Amino acid sequence: SDGAYVREHFFNTPELKALVADMTDDEIWALNRGGHDPQKVY
């Protein structure tokens, strides 16, 4: 799945893998990507 791709390519160090160890691939795929906030705070 797409979440598996994100897990493999973007959480590819032991420290990062530990952060998402208890998340499913679907949960990882649904994460917001940094810098692309759907709502700006002024």
N, C-alpha and C. Protein backbone atom coordinates (compact mmCIF):
# COMPACT_ATOMS: atom_id res chain seq x y z
N SER A 1 0.84 -1.19 0.00
CA SER A 1 0.00 0.00 0.00
C SER A 1 0.87 1.25 0.00
N ASP A 2 0.26 2.39 -0.16
CA ASP A 2 1.01 3.65 -0.17
C ASP A 2 1.64 3.94 1.18
N GLY A 3 0.96 3.56 2.25
CA GLY A 3 1.52 3.75 3.58
C GLY A 3 2.77 2.93 3.79
N ALA A 4 2.82 1.75 3.19
CA ALA A 4 4.03 0.92 3.29
C ALA A 4 5.19 1.59 2.58
N TYR A 5 4.93 2.23 1.45
CA TYR A 5 5.97 2.97 0.73
C TYR A 5 6.50 4.11 1.58
N VAL A 6 5.58 4.87 2.19
CA VAL A 6 5.98 5.99 3.04
C VAL A 6 6.80 5.47 4.22
N ARG A 7 6.35 4.39 4.83
CA ARG A 7 7.06 3.80 5.97
C ARG A 7 8.49 3.41 5.55
N GLU A 8 8.62 2.77 4.40
CA GLU A 8 9.93 2.28 3.95
C GLU A 8 10.87 3.41 3.56
N HIS A 9 10.36 4.44 2.89
CA HIS A 9 11.24 5.46 2.32
C HIS A 9 11.41 6.71 3.18
N PHE A 10 10.47 6.99 4.08
CA PHE A 10 10.56 8.22 4.86
C PHE A 10 10.78 7.98 6.35
N PHE A 11 10.52 6.76 6.81
CA PHE A 11 10.79 6.40 8.21
C PHE A 11 11.85 5.31 8.19
N ASN A 12 13.02 5.63 7.62
CA ASN A 12 14.01 4.61 7.32
C ASN A 12 15.21 4.61 8.27
N THR A 13 15.07 5.21 9.44
CA THR A 13 16.11 5.10 10.46
C THR A 13 15.48 4.47 11.70
N PRO A 14 16.27 3.87 12.55
CA PRO A 14 15.69 3.23 13.74
C PRO A 14 14.86 4.19 14.59
N GLU A 15 15.31 5.43 14.72
CA GLU A 15 14.57 6.40 15.52
C GLU A 15 13.21 6.72 14.91
N LEU A 16 13.19 6.91 13.59
CA LEU A 16 11.92 7.22 12.92
C LEU A 16 11.00 6.01 12.89
N LYS A 17 11.56 4.82 12.68
CA LYS A 17 10.74 3.61 12.70
C LYS A 17 10.06 3.44 14.04
N ALA A 18 10.76 3.80 15.12
CA ALA A 18 10.18 3.68 16.46
C ALA A 18 8.97 4.61 16.62
N LEU A 19 9.00 5.77 15.96
CA LEU A 19 7.89 6.71 16.06
C LEU A 19 6.60 6.17 15.46
N VAL A 20 6.72 5.35 14.42
CA VAL A 20 5.53 4.85 13.73
C VAL A 20 5.33 3.35 13.91
N ALA A 21 6.02 2.77 14.88
CA ALA A 21 5.95 1.32 15.07
C ALA A 21 4.54 0.83 15.37
N ASP A 22 3.75 1.63 16.07
CA ASP A 22 2.40 1.20 16.44
C ASP A 22 1.32 1.74 15.51
N MET A 23 1.72 2.31 14.37
CA MET A 23 0.75 2.85 13.41
C MET A 23 0.57 1.88 12.24
N THR A 24 -0.64 1.83 11.71
CA THR A 24 -0.89 1.02 10.52
C THR A 24 -0.44 1.79 9.29
N ASP A 25 -0.31 1.10 8.18
CA ASP A 25 0.05 1.76 6.92
C ASP A 25 -1.00 2.81 6.54
N ASP A 26 -2.27 2.52 6.79
CA ASP A 26 -3.33 3.49 6.49
C ASP A 26 -3.19 4.75 7.34
N GLU A 27 -2.83 4.58 8.61
CA GLU A 27 -2.63 5.74 9.48
C GLU A 27 -1.44 6.57 9.02
N ILE A 28 -0.38 5.91 8.59
CA ILE A 28 0.80 6.63 8.09
C ILE A 28 0.44 7.39 6.83
N TRP A 29 -0.32 6.78 5.94
CA TRP A 29 -0.72 7.44 4.69
C TRP A 29 -1.58 8.67 4.96
N ALA A 30 -2.36 8.65 6.05
CA ALA A 30 -3.26 9.76 6.37
C ALA A 30 -2.57 10.91 7.10
N LEU A 31 -1.30 10.75 7.47
CA LEU A 31 -0.59 11.82 8.18
C LEU A 31 -0.48 13.07 7.30
N ASN A 32 -0.58 14.23 7.94
CA ASN A 32 -0.34 15.49 7.21
C ASN A 32 1.14 15.59 6.87
N ARG A 33 1.42 16.10 5.72
CA ARG A 33 2.81 16.29 5.31
C ARG A 33 3.28 17.65 5.82
N GLY A 34 4.47 17.72 6.32
CA GLY A 34 4.99 18.96 6.90
C GLY A 34 5.00 20.11 5.91
N GLY A 35 4.63 21.29 6.39
CA GLY A 35 4.67 22.49 5.56
C GLY A 35 3.43 22.73 4.74
N HIS A 36 2.49 21.82 4.78
CA HIS A 36 1.27 21.96 3.98
C HIS A 36 0.06 21.96 4.90
N ASP A 37 -0.04 23.01 5.72
CA ASP A 37 -1.13 23.10 6.67
C ASP A 37 -2.44 23.42 5.96
N PRO A 38 -3.50 22.64 6.23
CA PRO A 38 -4.78 22.93 5.59
C PRO A 38 -5.41 24.23 6.08
N GLN A 39 -5.00 24.68 7.26
CA GLN A 39 -5.56 25.92 7.82
C GLN A 39 -4.41 26.75 8.39
N LYS A 40 -4.29 27.96 7.92
CA LYS A 40 -3.22 28.84 8.39
C LYS A 40 -3.65 29.54 9.67
N VAL A 41 -2.71 29.74 10.56
CA VAL A 41 -2.96 30.45 11.81
C VAL A 41 -2.23 31.78 11.73
N TYR A 42 -2.97 32.87 11.85
CA TYR A 42 -2.38 34.20 11.75
C TYR A 42 -2.37 34.86 13.10
